[in-house]
Amino acid sequence: MINITKMSHWLTQNVNEQLYPRLFLMSPNGTLLAYSKPVQTKELRDQAALISMAWKENCTGRQKYPSRGGAAPEHSLKPALQTLTIETEDCNIIVRLLQPELLLVLIGRIPPTRKQTFRISAEGQGDSRYPEIQIPLSRPSSSSKLLQGDAAADTFAPGAGEGIITKNKAPSLVSNMSQRDKDIRTGTLHVQRKKLDALADYVLKDFQDTGFVMPADADLQ
């Protein structure tokens, strides 16, 4: 089983109050497994319930995630759902599939001046990433306080999922725009998605190394 205490501590270490103040692990049925702290339990449960409904709805008409028995996919269906992006008036919610019984979720803030309507974008395996990355030729403005400080990609120091982070300076590019500048210019949602992708890759590597598989009918209480 997952070490809930250790996982919650690792998630807490990887939040950023300005950009992504909440991270948690849940099942597609809405069961909370581990989460960053501090936390407002009712709000977290409400978010988990919304995510569970949206995830199940967007799995309709798609292939199922490859089963443990290795059943062949139904080619008449869309690719299996892998990532769900939910944009609301108040926040961005990005959900990434780790295993059939595990979803990794990032709750991200949006800039105070940004107005956005409710929208759900689903990505199947092999689909292009949402949102598509488009880098303008002009250099980014430094006026965005939300995207300053921790926008660069994080790299994780090895060590049994302890969530130790070190910062690497982005290399100079021919265009004289650093990777951090590109991330900032592309937008808050891109920075949040990049963070979740890095976290998911880290967890999946740990699962691969340890051979961990979340049981379908695990007793999570």
C-alpha atoms as a PDB file:
ATOM      1  CA  MET A   1       0.000   0.000   0.000  1.00  0.00           C
ATOM      2  CA  ILE A   2       0.943   3.628  -0.354  1.00  0.00           C
ATOM      3  CA  ASN A   3       2.533   5.215   2.691  1.00  0.00           C
ATOM      4  CA  ILE A   4      -0.100   7.934   3.164  1.00  0.00           C
ATOM      5  CA  THR A   5       1.918   9.964   5.676  1.00  0.00           C
ATOM      6  CA  LYS A   6       5.028   9.973   3.518  1.00  0.00           C
ATOM      7  CA  MET A   7       3.093  10.769   0.339  1.00  0.00           C
ATOM      8  CA  SER A   8       1.221  13.643   2.011  1.00  0.00           C
ATOM      9  CA  HIS A   9       4.517  15.074   3.244  1.00  0.00           C
ATOM     10  CA  TRP A  10       5.998  14.842  -0.269  1.00  0.00           C
ATOM     11  CA  LEU A  11       2.962  16.567  -1.791  1.00  0.00           C
ATOM     12  CA  THR A  12       3.162  19.332   0.831  1.00  0.00           C
ATOM     13  CA  GLN A  13       6.816  19.937  -0.039  1.00  0.00           C
ATOM     14  CA  ASN A  14       5.924  20.404  -3.698  1.00  0.00           C
ATOM     15  CA  VAL A  15       3.138  22.991  -3.475  1.00  0.00           C
ATOM     16  CA  ASN A  16       3.619  26.656  -4.302  1.00  0.00           C
ATOM     17  CA  GLU A  17       1.245  29.042  -2.532  1.00  0.00           C
ATOM     18  CA  GLN A  18       1.060  31.449  -5.479  1.00  0.00           C
ATOM     19  CA  LEU A  19       0.846  28.991  -8.355  1.00  0.00           C
ATOM     20  CA  TYR A  20      -0.389  25.587  -7.161  1.00  0.00           C
ATOM     21  CA  PRO A  21      -1.356  25.644  -3.479  1.00  0.00           C
ATOM     22  CA  ARG A  22      -2.892  22.152  -3.416  1.00  0.00           C
ATOM     23  CA  LEU A  23      -1.847  18.690  -4.586  1.00  0.00           C
ATOM     24  CA  PHE A  24      -3.597  15.432  -3.814  1.00  0.00           C
ATOM     25  CA  LEU A  25      -3.926  11.791  -4.747  1.00  0.00           C
ATOM     26  CA  MET A  26      -7.367  10.215  -5.200  1.00  0.00           C
ATOM     27  CA  SER A  27      -9.171   7.297  -6.791  1.00  0.00           C
ATOM     28  CA  PRO A  28     -11.443   7.782  -9.827  1.00  0.00           C
ATOM     29  CA  ASN A  29     -14.356   7.089  -7.465  1.00  0.00           C
ATOM     30  CA  GLY A  30     -13.510  10.188  -5.421  1.00  0.00           C
ATOM     31  CA  THR A  31     -11.718   8.563  -2.470  1.00  0.00           C
ATOM     32  CA  LEU A  32      -8.993  10.835  -1.104  1.00  0.00           C
ATOM     33  CA  LEU A  33      -5.725   9.008  -0.471  1.00  0.00           C
ATOM     34  CA  ALA A  34      -3.118  11.654   0.314  1.00  0.00           C
ATOM     35  CA  TYR A  35      -3.005  15.446   0.160  1.00  0.00           C
ATOM     36  CA  SER A  36      -0.869  18.476   0.859  1.00  0.00           C
ATOM     37  CA  LYS A  37      -1.402  20.432   4.055  1.00  0.00           C
ATOM     38  CA  PRO A  38      -2.863  22.615   5.424  1.00  0.00           C
ATOM     39  CA  VAL A  39      -6.214  21.633   3.987  1.00  0.00           C
ATOM     40  CA  GLN A  40      -9.894  22.531   4.211  1.00  0.00           C
ATOM     41  CA  THR A  41     -11.480  19.084   4.293  1.00  0.00           C
ATOM     42  CA  LYS A  42     -14.928  20.030   2.993  1.00  0.00           C
ATOM     43  CA  GLU A  43     -13.549  22.011   0.059  1.00  0.00           C
ATOM     44  CA  LEU A  44     -11.160  19.184  -0.791  1.00  0.00           C
ATOM     45  CA  ARG A  45     -13.965  16.618  -0.759  1.00  0.00           C
ATOM     46  CA  ASP A  46     -16.108  18.835  -2.972  1.00  0.00           C
ATOM     47  CA  GLN A  47     -13.251  19.126  -5.461  1.00  0.00           C
ATOM     48  CA  ALA A  48     -12.683  15.366  -5.391  1.00  0.00           C
ATOM     49  CA  ALA A  49     -16.387  14.748  -6.068  1.00  0.00           C
ATOM     50  CA  LEU A  50     -16.357  17.175  -9.037  1.00  0.00           C
ATOM     51  CA  ILE A  51     -13.226  15.564 -10.432  1.00  0.00           C
ATOM     52  CA  SER A  52     -14.652  12.063 -10.051  1.00  0.00           C
ATOM     53  CA  MET A  53     -17.821  12.970 -11.969  1.00  0.00           C
ATOM     54  CA  ALA A  54     -15.910  14.787 -14.709  1.00  0.00           C
ATOM     55  CA  TRP A  55     -13.394  11.964 -15.047  1.00  0.00           C
ATOM     56  CA  LYS A  56     -16.069   9.283 -15.408  1.00  0.00           C
ATOM     57  CA  GLU A  57     -18.058  11.371 -17.907  1.00  0.00           C
ATOM     58  CA  ASN A  58     -15.002  11.937 -20.075  1.00  0.00           C
ATOM     59  CA  CYS A  59     -14.073   8.241 -19.996  1.00  0.00           C
ATOM     60  CA  THR A  60     -17.290   7.479 -21.890  1.00  0.00           C
ATOM     61  CA  GLY A  61     -16.594   6.473 -25.470  1.00  0.00           C
ATOM     62  CA  ARG A  62     -12.900   5.905 -24.771  1.00  0.00           C
ATOM     63  CA  GLN A  63     -10.738   2.860 -24.393  1.00  0.00           C
ATOM     64  CA  LYS A  64     -10.107   1.740 -20.844  1.00  0.00           C
ATOM     65  CA  TYR A  65      -6.666   2.133 -19.337  1.00  0.00           C
ATOM     66  CA  PRO A  66      -4.682  -1.063 -20.125  1.00  0.00           C
ATOM     67  CA  SER A  67      -5.801  -3.697 -17.660  1.00  0.00           C
ATOM     68  CA  ARG A  68      -3.528  -5.865 -15.551  1.00  0.00           C
ATOM     69  CA  GLY A  69      -4.582  -8.800 -17.712  1.00  0.00           C
ATOM     70  CA  GLY A  70      -3.346  -7.063 -20.843  1.00  0.00           C
ATOM     71  CA  ALA A  71      -6.699  -7.082 -22.671  1.00  0.00           C
ATOM     72  CA  ALA A  72      -6.535  -5.741 -26.213  1.00  0.00           C
ATOM     73  CA  PRO A  73      -7.945  -2.199 -26.628  1.00  0.00           C
ATOM     74  CA  GLU A  74     -11.085  -1.572 -28.632  1.00  0.00           C
ATOM     75  CA  HIS A  75      -9.827   0.266 -31.699  1.00  0.00           C
ATOM     76  CA  SER A  76     -13.254   1.699 -32.475  1.00  0.00           C
ATOM     77  CA  LEU A  77     -13.000   3.909 -29.372  1.00  0.00           C
ATOM     78  CA  LYS A  78     -10.979   7.041 -28.678  1.00  0.00           C
ATOM     79  CA  PRO A  79      -7.644   6.644 -26.856  1.00  0.00           C
ATOM     80  CA  ALA A  80      -7.847   6.046 -23.107  1.00  0.00           C
ATOM     81  CA  LEU A  81      -8.220   9.186 -20.986  1.00  0.00           C
ATOM     82  CA  GLN A  82      -4.918  10.296 -19.479  1.00  0.00           C
ATOM     83  CA  THR A  83      -5.217  13.971 -18.500  1.00  0.00           C
ATOM     84  CA  LEU A  84      -8.192  16.184 -17.703  1.00  0.00           C
ATOM     85  CA  THR A  85      -7.978  19.983 -17.443  1.00  0.00           C
ATOM     86  CA  ILE A  86     -10.860  21.775 -15.729  1.00  0.00           C
ATOM     87  CA  GLU A  87     -10.834  25.565 -15.946  1.00  0.00           C
ATOM     88  CA  THR A  88     -13.227  27.304 -13.569  1.00  0.00           C
ATOM     89  CA  GLU A  89     -13.805  30.948 -12.687  1.00  0.00           C
ATOM     90  CA  ASP A  90     -11.668  30.542  -9.573  1.00  0.00           C
ATOM     91  CA  CYS A  91      -8.939  28.026 -10.374  1.00  0.00           C
ATOM     92  CA  ASN A  92      -7.405  25.485 -12.733  1.00  0.00           C
ATOM     93  CA  ILE A  93      -7.743  21.796 -11.925  1.00  0.00           C
ATOM     94  CA  ILE A  94      -5.399  19.412 -13.729  1.00  0.00           C
ATOM     95  CA  VAL A  95      -5.850  15.656 -13.294  1.00  0.00           C
ATOM     96  CA  ARG A  96      -3.309  13.059 -14.407  1.00  0.00           C
ATOM     97  CA  LEU A  97      -3.856   9.295 -14.508  1.00  0.00           C
ATOM     98  CA  LEU A  98      -1.109   7.306 -12.786  1.00  0.00           C
ATOM     99  CA  GLN A  99      -2.739   3.875 -12.598  1.00  0.00           C
ATOM    100  CA  PRO A 100      -6.331   2.658 -13.101  1.00  0.00           C
ATOM    101  CA  GLU A 101      -7.043   3.343  -9.408  1.00  0.00           C
ATOM    102  CA  LEU A 102      -4.901   6.452  -8.946  1.00  0.00           C
ATOM    103  CA  LEU A 103      -5.272  10.069 -10.058  1.00  0.00           C
ATOM    104  CA  LEU A 104      -2.800  12.850  -9.266  1.00  0.00           C
ATOM    105  CA  VAL A 105      -4.445  16.275  -8.996  1.00  0.00           C
ATOM    106  CA  LEU A 106      -3.049  19.814  -9.011  1.00  0.00           C
ATOM    107  CA  ILE A 107      -5.184  22.806  -8.031  1.00  0.00           C
ATOM    108  CA  GLY A 108      -3.736  26.000  -9.505  1.00  0.00           C
ATOM    109  CA  ARG A 109      -4.468  29.654  -8.994  1.00  0.00           C
ATOM    110  CA  ILE A 110      -5.276  31.993 -11.876  1.00  0.00           C
ATOM    111  CA  PRO A 111      -4.029  35.599 -12.190  1.00  0.00           C
ATOM    112  CA  PRO A 112      -6.397  38.114 -10.536  1.00  0.00           C
ATOM    113  CA  THR A 113      -6.926  39.927 -13.838  1.00  0.00           C
ATOM    114  CA  ARG A 114      -7.729  36.792 -15.821  1.00  0.00           C
ATOM    115  CA  LYS A 115     -11.361  36.050 -16.622  1.00  0.00           C
ATOM    116  CA  GLN A 116     -12.164  32.513 -17.689  1.00  0.00           C
ATOM    117  CA  THR A 117     -15.317  30.472 -18.079  1.00  0.00           C
ATOM    118  CA  PHE A 118     -15.886  26.867 -17.081  1.00  0.00           C
ATOM    119  CA  ARG A 119     -14.292  24.515 -19.567  1.00  0.00           C
ATOM    120  CA  ILE A 120     -13.177  20.877 -19.523  1.00  0.00           C
ATOM    121  CA  SER A 121     -10.495  19.594 -21.895  1.00  0.00           C
ATOM    122  CA  ALA A 122      -9.763  15.867 -22.117  1.00  0.00           C
ATOM    123  CA  GLU A 123      -6.580  14.282 -23.456  1.00  0.00           C
ATOM    124  CA  GLY A 124      -6.269  10.662 -24.424  1.00  0.00           C
ATOM    125  CA  GLN A 125      -3.090   8.694 -24.769  1.00  0.00           C
ATOM    126  CA  GLY A 126      -1.254   9.957 -27.819  1.00  0.00           C
ATOM    127  CA  ASP A 127      -3.290  13.169 -28.101  1.00  0.00           C
ATOM    128  CA  SER A 128      -1.529  16.528 -28.310  1.00  0.00           C
ATOM    129  CA  ARG A 129      -1.093  18.272 -25.006  1.00  0.00           C
ATOM    130  CA  TYR A 130      -3.648  20.810 -23.837  1.00  0.00           C
ATOM    131  CA  PRO A 131      -3.081  23.709 -23.859  1.00  0.00           C
ATOM    132  CA  GLU A 132      -0.945  23.797 -26.992  1.00  0.00           C
ATOM    133  CA  ILE A 133       2.269  25.711 -26.373  1.00  0.00           C
ATOM    134  CA  GLN A 134       2.739  28.830 -28.485  1.00  0.00           C
ATOM    135  CA  ILE A 135       5.758  30.996 -27.708  1.00  0.00           C
ATOM    136  CA  PRO A 136       5.529  34.635 -28.894  1.00  0.00           C
ATOM    137  CA  LEU A 137       8.645  36.189 -30.414  1.00  0.00           C
ATOM    138  CA  SER A 138       8.606  39.181 -28.062  1.00  0.00           C
ATOM    139  CA  ARG A 139      10.147  38.927 -24.635  1.00  0.00           C
ATOM    140  CA  PRO A 140       7.796  38.412 -21.676  1.00  0.00           C
ATOM    141  CA  SER A 141       6.668  41.174 -19.388  1.00  0.00           C
ATOM    142  CA  SER A 142       8.025  41.082 -15.839  1.00  0.00           C
ATOM    143  CA  SER A 143       4.829  42.552 -14.409  1.00  0.00           C
ATOM    144  CA  SER A 144       3.154  39.230 -13.602  1.00  0.00           C
ATOM    145  CA  LYS A 145       3.732  38.704  -9.888  1.00  0.00           C
ATOM    146  CA  LEU A 146       1.930  35.354  -9.993  1.00  0.00           C
ATOM    147  CA  LEU A 147       4.466  33.885 -12.388  1.00  0.00           C
ATOM    148  CA  GLN A 148       7.616  35.138 -10.681  1.00  0.00           C
ATOM    149  CA  GLY A 149       9.795  33.113  -8.388  1.00  0.00           C
ATOM    150  CA  ASP A 150       8.961  29.452  -8.983  1.00  0.00           C
ATOM    151  CA  ALA A 151       7.918  29.282 -12.633  1.00  0.00           C
ATOM    152  CA  ALA A 152      10.974  27.387 -13.805  1.00  0.00           C
ATOM    153  CA  ALA A 153      10.815  23.604 -14.087  1.00  0.00           C
ATOM    154  CA  ASP A 154      11.777  21.720 -10.940  1.00  0.00           C
ATOM    155  CA  THR A 155      14.088  18.749 -10.881  1.00  0.00           C
ATOM    156  CA  PHE A 156      13.790  16.167  -8.129  1.00  0.00           C
ATOM    157  CA  ALA A 157      16.750  14.945  -6.134  1.00  0.00           C
ATOM    158  CA  PRO A 158      16.770  11.125  -5.811  1.00  0.00           C
ATOM    159  CA  GLY A 159      15.664   9.613  -2.556  1.00  0.00           C
ATOM    160  CA  ALA A 160      12.622   7.377  -2.002  1.00  0.00           C
ATOM    161  CA  GLY A 161       9.988   9.952  -2.815  1.00  0.00           C
ATOM    162  CA  GLU A 162      11.100  12.534  -0.285  1.00  0.00           C
ATOM    163  CA  GLY A 163      10.267  15.397  -2.626  1.00  0.00           C
ATOM    164  CA  ILE A 164      13.581  17.228  -2.310  1.00  0.00           C
ATOM    165  CA  ILE A 165      13.759  19.892  -4.999  1.00  0.00           C
ATOM    166  CA  THR A 166      16.769  21.610  -6.502  1.00  0.00           C
ATOM    167  CA  LYS A 167      16.661  24.523  -8.924  1.00  0.00           C
ATOM    168  CA  ASN A 168      18.547  24.442 -12.192  1.00  0.00           C
ATOM    169  CA  LYS A 169      19.251  27.575 -14.195  1.00  0.00           C
ATOM    170  CA  ALA A 170      17.705  27.408 -17.649  1.00  0.00           C
ATOM    171  CA  PRO A 171      20.265  27.481 -20.477  1.00  0.00           C
ATOM    172  CA  SER A 172      20.458  30.446 -22.804  1.00  0.00           C
ATOM    173  CA  LEU A 173      18.726  29.910 -26.146  1.00  0.00           C
ATOM    174  CA  VAL A 174      19.525  31.283 -29.567  1.00  0.00           C
ATOM    175  CA  SER A 175      16.524  33.554 -29.238  1.00  0.00           C
ATOM    176  CA  ASN A 176      17.944  34.920 -25.943  1.00  0.00           C
ATOM    177  CA  MET A 177      14.782  33.765 -24.194  1.00  0.00           C
ATOM    178  CA  SER A 178      15.369  31.382 -21.291  1.00  0.00           C
ATOM    179  CA  GLN A 179      13.170  28.379 -20.592  1.00  0.00           C
ATOM    180  CA  ARG A 180      11.781  30.196 -17.565  1.00  0.00           C
ATOM    181  CA  ASP A 181      10.865  33.189 -19.746  1.00  0.00           C
ATOM    182  CA  LYS A 182       9.164  30.854 -22.198  1.00  0.00           C
ATOM    183  CA  ASP A 183       7.179  29.233 -19.413  1.00  0.00           C
ATOM    184  CA  ILE A 184       6.092  32.602 -18.029  1.00  0.00           C
ATOM    185  CA  ARG A 185       5.121  33.906 -21.459  1.00  0.00           C
ATOM    186  CA  THR A 186       3.115  30.800 -22.262  1.00  0.00           C
ATOM    187  CA  GLY A 187       0.938  31.323 -19.193  1.00  0.00           C
ATOM    188  CA  THR A 188      -0.011  30.142 -15.733  1.00  0.00           C
ATOM    189  CA  LEU A 189      -1.799  27.013 -16.935  1.00  0.00           C
ATOM    190  CA  HIS A 190       1.305  25.887 -18.818  1.00  0.00           C
ATOM    191  CA  VAL A 191       3.491  26.325 -15.714  1.00  0.00           C
ATOM    192  CA  GLN A 192       0.989  24.366 -13.622  1.00  0.00           C
ATOM    193  CA  ARG A 193       0.750  21.604 -16.219  1.00  0.00           C
ATOM    194  CA  LYS A 194       4.527  21.369 -16.479  1.00  0.00           C
ATOM    195  CA  LYS A 195       4.748  20.953 -12.708  1.00  0.00           C
ATOM    196  CA  LEU A 196       2.125  18.196 -12.660  1.00  0.00           C
ATOM    197  CA  ASP A 197       3.828  16.366 -15.524  1.00  0.00           C
ATOM    198  CA  ALA A 198       7.125  16.420 -13.606  1.00  0.00           C
ATOM    199  CA  LEU A 199       5.480  15.131 -10.426  1.00  0.00           C
ATOM    200  CA  ALA A 200       3.649  12.379 -12.307  1.00  0.00           C
ATOM    201  CA  ASP A 201       6.834  11.245 -14.052  1.00  0.00           C
ATOM    202  CA  TYR A 202       8.585  11.095 -10.687  1.00  0.00           C
ATOM    203  CA  VAL A 203       5.848   8.978  -9.099  1.00  0.00           C
ATOM    204  CA  LEU A 204       5.574   6.659 -12.105  1.00  0.00           C
ATOM    205  CA  LYS A 205       9.325   6.072 -12.032  1.00  0.00           C
ATOM    206  CA  ASP A 206       9.068   5.159  -8.348  1.00  0.00           C
ATOM    207  CA  PHE A 207       6.176   2.770  -9.094  1.00  0.00           C
ATOM    208  CA  GLN A 208       8.201   1.173 -11.866  1.00  0.00           C
ATOM    209  CA  ASP A 209      11.251   0.731  -9.654  1.00  0.00           C
ATOM    210  CA  THR A 210       9.255  -0.797  -6.792  1.00  0.00           C
ATOM    211  CA  GLY A 211       6.695  -2.705  -8.866  1.00  0.00           C
ATOM    212  CA  PHE A 212       3.849  -1.043  -6.990  1.00  0.00           C
ATOM    213  CA  VAL A 213       0.305  -1.571  -8.311  1.00  0.00           C
ATOM    214  CA  MET A 214      -2.701  -0.054  -6.543  1.00  0.00           C
ATOM    215  CA  PRO A 215      -5.246  -2.820  -5.820  1.00  0.00           C
ATOM    216  CA  ALA A 216      -8.623  -2.349  -7.477  1.00  0.00           C
ATOM    217  CA  ASP A 217     -10.577  -3.031  -4.260  1.00  0.00           C
ATOM    218  CA  ALA A 218      -8.132  -1.648  -1.705  1.00  0.00           C
ATOM    219  CA  ASP A 219      -9.349  -0.930   1.811  1.00  0.00           C
ATOM    220  CA  LEU A 220      -8.462   2.762   2.069  1.00  0.00           C
ATOM    221  CA  GLN A 221      -9.891   3.433   5.492  1.00  0.00           C
END
